[in-house]
Amino acid sequence: MNAVAASNTSSQGYVADHRNDNVLIYLNGEFFKRDEAKVSVFDAGFVLGDGVWEGVRLVNGKIIALDEHLDRLYEGANSIQLDIGMTREELAEALWQTFRRNDMTDGAHARVMVTRGKKKTPNQDPRFAMGQATIVIIAEFKIPKPESKSKGLSLMTSTIRCSTPDVFDLRLNSHSRLNFIHALIQAINCGADEALMLDPHGFVASCNSTNFFIVRSEELWTSTGRYNFNGITRKKVIKLYSDAGHVVRQKDFTLAEVYSASEAFVTGTLGGITPVTRIDGRHVGNGQPGPVTQHIADLYAAYING
């Protein structure tokens, strides 16, 4: 079975663009054609996912929330004692250089990946790293699929739970994502686009790659933040809706409260605000993207274009 073909929408989906066939990839200070950019099989990222990453979006010549993304990247690297080997300013310049080399000024997305680098032997011990981090920047022309916005996503509640910080801290943008991939595979095999995930106490936490919101009586509800991603778009949505004079509640809530919500949506760097219209086989509200979601999407669009 080809699980990926089970659904034609995704929070991570994007419009195909032939220009991506010829993008240049940044690798440790040099640029390579897409099919020539390679790292060692002894690289710590390949061996066991030992690294951190960020995704950034380029809109109208501006990298959205660049400082916040760099904050998160360097905090994550520091937590696992990974020396990036570049200052924030140097890494930001490498990112801008990658966009420039690919003639990108709008409608682009870049993934910045930093691993502990090449190791003497494929094992877990970081002391076997040979001393230089591997830094890769992949920039592509990416805009979300229109059908994801117009149709909305379908979610399925996964049996995989979001973890506590002592097990795996979701605020760490780690290359190790196996639990979320597992959750997503469950959702895809059930015909859904993304997995809705609960926290260890059974309250709604997040999705496998995005943060989750519901609308009840025009109030915006999202999880407490204890068991979900440290979402930059999530924080911006909370601020924008609150600044517009509306109520935002970061609280514990259950699937029963989700099922009776009038609207739902997810947030992420690439997709921004993406409506959710079906959860566990049930329609959310009337099964169409709702007016509050559209209002929030408009607020966010004004922010990124401002």
Protein backbone atom coordinates (compact mmCIF):
# COMPACT_ATOMS: atom_id res chain seq x y z
CA MET A 1 0.00 0.00 0.00
CA ASN A 2 1.23 3.47 -0.86
CA ALA A 3 0.23 5.31 2.32
CA VAL A 4 1.21 8.70 0.94
CA ALA A 5 -1.39 8.38 -1.82
CA ALA A 6 -4.20 7.92 0.70
CA SER A 7 -4.84 11.67 0.88
CA ASN A 8 -4.34 14.55 -1.55
CA THR A 9 -4.05 17.28 1.08
CA SER A 10 -1.54 17.89 3.83
CA SER A 11 -0.55 20.66 6.21
CA GLN A 12 2.93 20.25 4.70
CA GLY A 13 1.74 20.10 1.10
CA TYR A 14 2.79 22.70 -1.47
CA VAL A 15 2.28 23.59 -5.12
CA ALA A 16 4.76 21.78 -7.37
CA ASP A 17 7.28 24.16 -8.97
CA HIS A 18 9.71 23.03 -11.68
CA ARG A 19 12.22 25.67 -10.59
CA ASN A 20 12.99 23.49 -7.57
CA ASP A 21 14.66 20.98 -9.89
CA ASN A 22 17.58 23.37 -10.27
CA VAL A 23 17.99 24.91 -6.83
CA LEU A 24 21.43 25.22 -5.32
CA ILE A 25 21.95 23.69 -1.87
CA TYR A 26 24.14 25.30 0.77
CA LEU A 27 26.45 22.76 2.42
CA ASN A 28 29.16 23.92 4.83
CA GLY A 29 29.84 27.18 3.01
CA GLU A 30 29.63 25.85 -0.55
CA PHE A 31 26.79 25.49 -3.04
CA PHE A 32 25.90 22.31 -4.90
CA LYS A 33 23.27 21.27 -7.43
CA ARG A 34 20.33 19.44 -5.91
CA ASP A 35 21.48 15.98 -6.99
CA GLU A 36 25.10 16.65 -6.03
CA ALA A 37 24.61 17.86 -2.43
CA LYS A 38 25.68 14.99 -0.18
CA VAL A 39 26.73 14.32 3.41
CA SER A 40 28.70 11.39 4.81
CA VAL A 41 27.02 8.15 5.88
CA PHE A 42 28.96 8.73 9.11
CA ASP A 43 27.21 12.05 9.72
CA ALA A 44 25.54 12.20 13.13
CA GLY A 45 22.30 13.36 11.54
CA PHE A 46 22.16 10.30 9.31
CA VAL A 47 23.41 7.88 11.95
CA LEU A 48 20.84 8.75 14.62
CA GLY A 49 19.13 12.09 14.01
CA ASP A 50 21.58 14.04 16.17
CA GLY A 51 20.83 17.60 15.13
CA VAL A 52 18.43 20.55 15.12
CA TRP A 53 16.64 22.40 12.35
CA GLU A 54 14.44 25.37 11.47
CA GLY A 55 12.07 26.15 8.64
CA VAL A 56 11.76 29.77 7.51
CA ARG A 57 9.51 31.49 5.01
CA LEU A 58 10.46 34.25 2.55
CA VAL A 59 7.64 36.69 1.70
CA ASN A 60 8.09 39.91 -0.29
CA GLY A 61 11.83 39.98 0.33
CA LYS A 62 11.47 39.40 4.08
CA ILE A 63 12.26 36.30 6.15
CA ILE A 64 9.30 36.05 8.49
CA ALA A 65 10.26 36.09 12.20
CA LEU A 66 13.95 35.45 11.47
CA ASP A 67 15.12 36.43 14.96
CA GLU A 68 12.62 34.09 16.60
CA HIS A 69 13.70 31.21 14.37
CA LEU A 70 17.36 31.81 15.15
CA ASP A 71 16.56 32.02 18.87
CA ARG A 72 14.90 28.61 18.70
CA LEU A 73 17.69 27.06 16.64
CA TYR A 74 20.51 28.23 18.90
CA GLU A 75 18.59 27.36 22.06
CA GLY A 76 18.02 23.85 20.73
CA ALA A 77 21.66 23.45 19.76
CA ASN A 78 22.76 24.67 23.17
CA SER A 79 20.50 22.18 24.94
CA ILE A 80 22.27 19.24 23.27
CA GLN A 81 25.72 20.93 23.45
CA LEU A 82 26.00 21.17 19.69
CA ASP A 83 28.44 23.87 18.56
CA ILE A 84 27.01 25.32 15.34
CA GLY A 85 30.37 26.96 14.63
CA MET A 86 28.78 30.10 13.18
CA THR A 87 27.46 33.23 14.84
CA ARG A 88 23.81 34.15 14.44
CA GLU A 89 24.85 36.87 12.00
CA GLU A 90 26.93 34.47 9.93
CA LEU A 91 24.15 31.90 9.75
CA ALA A 92 21.60 34.57 8.83
CA GLU A 93 23.90 35.73 6.05
CA ALA A 94 24.27 32.13 4.79
CA LEU A 95 20.48 31.92 4.68
CA TRP A 96 20.17 35.17 2.74
CA GLN A 97 22.98 34.07 0.44
CA THR A 98 21.11 30.84 -0.32
CA PHE A 99 17.98 32.76 -1.27
CA ARG A 100 20.00 35.15 -3.43
CA ARG A 101 21.88 32.37 -5.25
CA ASN A 102 18.51 30.90 -6.16
CA ASP A 103 16.98 34.23 -7.24
CA MET A 104 14.30 33.96 -4.56
CA THR A 105 12.50 37.03 -3.28
CA ASP A 106 9.00 35.73 -2.54
CA GLY A 107 7.04 32.49 -2.14
CA ALA A 108 10.03 30.54 -0.88
CA HIS A 109 10.78 28.35 2.12
CA ALA A 110 14.14 27.22 3.49
CA ARG A 111 15.06 24.40 5.82
CA VAL A 112 18.17 25.03 7.93
CA MET A 113 19.65 21.78 9.25
CA VAL A 114 22.55 21.49 11.68
CA THR A 115 23.95 18.16 12.83
CA ARG A 116 26.84 17.23 15.10
CA GLY A 117 28.79 16.40 11.96
CA LYS A 118 30.87 13.47 10.80
CA LYS A 119 31.70 10.77 13.36
CA LYS A 120 34.58 8.33 13.60
CA THR A 121 32.14 5.45 13.89
CA PRO A 122 28.32 5.13 13.78
CA ASN A 123 27.36 5.18 17.44
CA GLN A 124 25.43 7.30 19.91
CA ASP A 125 28.33 8.81 21.85
CA PRO A 126 28.84 12.49 20.89
CA ARG A 127 32.50 12.23 21.89
CA PHE A 128 33.10 10.34 18.64
CA ALA A 129 32.15 13.41 16.60
CA MET A 130 35.09 14.78 14.66
CA GLY A 131 34.52 18.38 15.67
CA GLN A 132 32.76 20.29 12.89
CA ALA A 133 29.00 20.63 12.58
CA THR A 134 27.31 19.88 9.27
CA ILE A 135 25.18 22.84 8.11
CA VAL A 136 22.76 22.42 5.22
CA ILE A 137 20.29 24.99 3.87
CA ILE A 138 17.73 23.85 1.33
CA ALA A 139 15.69 26.69 -0.18
CA GLU A 140 12.73 25.92 -2.44
CA PHE A 141 9.90 27.76 -4.12
CA LYS A 142 6.95 26.76 -1.93
CA ILE A 143 3.44 28.03 -1.48
CA PRO A 144 0.69 26.03 0.27
CA LYS A 145 -1.77 24.09 -1.87
CA PRO A 146 -4.93 26.17 -2.39
CA GLU A 147 -7.16 23.15 -1.76
CA SER A 148 -5.79 22.83 1.77
CA LYS A 149 -7.14 26.32 2.48
CA SER A 150 -10.42 25.97 0.62
CA LYS A 151 -11.27 22.40 1.58
CA GLY A 152 -9.61 22.19 4.98
CA LEU A 153 -7.71 19.32 6.54
CA SER A 154 -8.96 16.07 7.96
CA LEU A 155 -7.44 14.94 11.28
CA MET A 156 -7.43 11.64 13.12
CA THR A 157 -6.64 11.29 16.81
CA SER A 158 -3.51 9.17 17.15
CA THR A 159 -2.73 6.63 19.83
CA ILE A 160 0.76 8.19 20.02
CA ARG A 161 0.92 10.78 22.81
CA CYS A 162 2.92 14.00 22.96
CA SER A 163 5.70 13.53 25.48
CA THR A 164 6.68 15.30 28.67
CA PRO A 165 9.91 17.36 28.63
CA ASP A 166 11.72 14.71 30.70
CA VAL A 167 11.00 12.13 27.98
CA PHE A 168 11.38 14.30 24.88
CA ASP A 169 11.06 18.08 24.93
CA LEU A 170 8.84 19.17 22.04
CA ARG A 171 10.34 22.66 22.25
CA LEU A 172 13.50 21.13 20.81
CA ASN A 173 13.36 21.14 16.99
CA SER A 174 15.28 17.90 16.79
CA HIS A 175 15.98 15.80 13.72
CA SER A 176 14.58 12.87 15.70
CA ARG A 177 10.90 12.85 14.69
CA LEU A 178 10.06 9.16 14.65
CA ASN A 179 7.16 9.40 17.11
CA PHE A 180 5.48 12.10 15.01
CA ILE A 181 6.06 10.16 11.81
CA HIS A 182 4.47 7.14 13.51
CA ALA A 183 1.45 9.25 14.46
CA LEU A 184 1.17 10.65 10.93
CA ILE A 185 1.32 7.17 9.38
CA GLN A 186 -1.63 6.15 11.56
CA ALA A 187 -3.58 9.16 10.32
CA ILE A 188 -2.69 8.63 6.66
CA ASN A 189 -3.66 4.95 6.82
CA CYS A 190 -7.07 6.02 8.15
CA GLY A 191 -7.55 8.46 5.27
CA ALA A 192 -6.71 11.62 7.23
CA ASP A 193 -4.22 14.37 6.43
CA GLU A 194 -2.57 14.80 9.81
CA ALA A 195 -2.64 13.30 13.30
CA LEU A 196 -4.22 15.04 16.27
CA MET A 197 -2.24 14.13 19.37
CA LEU A 198 -3.15 14.10 23.06
CA ASP A 199 -0.95 14.84 26.04
CA PRO A 200 -0.12 12.22 28.73
CA HIS A 201 -3.28 13.20 30.64
CA GLY A 202 -5.62 12.78 27.68
CA PHE A 203 -6.07 16.47 26.87
CA VAL A 204 -5.60 17.76 23.33
CA ALA A 205 -1.99 18.86 22.72
CA SER A 206 -1.03 19.41 19.06
CA CYS A 207 -0.81 17.73 15.69
CA ASN A 208 2.18 15.78 14.44
CA SER A 209 3.74 18.78 12.65
CA THR A 210 1.54 21.75 13.52
CA ASN A 211 -0.15 23.40 16.49
CA PHE A 212 -3.90 23.07 16.92
CA PHE A 213 -6.67 25.58 17.70
CA ILE A 214 -10.44 25.41 18.07
CA VAL A 215 -13.09 28.14 18.07
CA ARG A 216 -15.95 28.08 20.57
CA SER A 217 -18.36 31.04 20.75
CA GLU A 218 -15.70 33.13 18.94
CA GLU A 219 -13.23 32.34 21.71
CA LEU A 220 -9.95 30.88 20.51
CA TRP A 221 -8.77 27.84 22.45
CA THR A 222 -5.38 26.15 22.26
CA SER A 223 -3.43 23.90 24.58
CA THR A 224 -1.44 25.14 27.56
CA GLY A 225 1.88 24.81 25.75
CA ARG A 226 3.23 22.21 28.15
CA TYR A 227 3.14 19.38 25.62
CA ASN A 228 3.25 20.99 22.19
CA PHE A 229 5.71 22.56 19.78
CA ASN A 230 7.23 25.94 20.57
CA GLY A 231 5.39 27.35 17.58
CA ILE A 232 6.38 30.78 16.32
CA THR A 233 3.24 31.05 14.18
CA ARG A 234 1.20 29.82 17.15
CA LYS A 235 2.51 32.64 19.34
CA LYS A 236 1.82 35.21 16.64
CA VAL A 237 -1.76 34.02 16.15
CA ILE A 238 -2.44 34.22 19.90
CA LYS A 239 -1.11 37.78 19.99
CA LEU A 240 -2.88 38.95 16.83
CA TYR A 241 -6.29 37.64 17.90
CA SER A 242 -5.89 38.98 21.43
CA ASP A 243 -4.69 42.39 20.21
CA ALA A 244 -7.78 42.54 17.99
CA GLY A 245 -9.91 42.47 21.15
CA HIS A 246 -10.89 38.80 21.19
CA VAL A 247 -10.60 36.13 23.87
CA VAL A 248 -7.79 33.58 23.68
CA ARG A 249 -7.64 30.72 26.17
CA GLN A 250 -4.57 28.52 26.61
CA LYS A 251 -6.06 25.68 28.59
CA ASP A 252 -6.65 21.97 28.93
CA PHE A 253 -9.55 20.75 26.82
CA THR A 254 -10.83 17.36 25.71
CA LEU A 255 -11.81 15.66 22.49
CA ALA A 256 -15.47 16.07 23.49
CA GLU A 257 -14.95 19.84 23.48
CA VAL A 258 -13.16 19.61 20.14
CA TYR A 259 -16.06 17.67 18.60
CA SER A 260 -18.51 20.44 19.54
CA ALA A 261 -16.28 23.31 18.38
CA SER A 262 -17.61 25.56 15.63
CA GLU A 263 -14.24 25.79 13.86
CA ALA A 264 -10.70 24.44 14.02
CA PHE A 265 -7.39 25.17 12.34
CA VAL A 266 -3.67 24.43 12.56
CA THR A 267 -0.66 26.74 12.41
CA GLY A 268 2.79 26.28 10.95
CA THR A 269 5.57 28.18 9.20
CA LEU A 270 4.81 27.07 5.65
CA GLY A 271 1.03 26.82 5.77
CA GLY A 272 0.40 29.73 8.11
CA ILE A 273 -3.28 29.25 9.03
CA THR A 274 -4.86 26.07 7.61
CA PRO A 275 -8.52 25.23 8.35
CA VAL A 276 -9.53 21.86 9.76
CA THR A 277 -12.95 20.66 8.64
CA ARG A 278 -13.06 17.03 9.75
CA ILE A 279 -11.80 15.26 12.89
CA ASP A 280 -12.14 11.52 13.54
CA GLY A 281 -14.72 11.25 10.77
CA ARG A 282 -16.85 14.09 12.19
CA HIS A 283 -17.50 17.43 10.56
CA VAL A 284 -16.15 20.44 12.42
CA GLY A 285 -19.05 22.90 12.55
CA ASN A 286 -20.72 22.82 9.15
CA GLY A 287 -17.75 21.04 7.57
CA GLN A 288 -16.44 24.18 5.86
CA PRO A 289 -13.68 26.67 6.77
CA GLY A 290 -15.28 29.18 9.13
CA PRO A 291 -15.41 32.98 9.42
CA VAL A 292 -13.26 33.23 12.56
CA THR A 293 -10.55 31.13 10.92
CA GLN A 294 -10.69 33.42 7.89
CA HIS A 295 -10.51 36.50 10.12
CA ILE A 296 -7.41 35.12 11.82
CA ALA A 297 -5.90 34.21 8.44
CA ASP A 298 -6.49 37.79 7.30
CA LEU A 299 -4.82 39.15 10.43
CA TYR A 300 -1.83 36.89 9.85
CA ALA A 301 -1.62 37.77 6.14
CA ALA A 302 -1.57 41.47 7.07
CA TYR A 303 1.24 40.76 9.52
CA ILE A 304 3.49 38.86 7.08
CA ASN A 305 2.86 41.37 4.30
CA GLY A 306 3.30 44.36 6.62
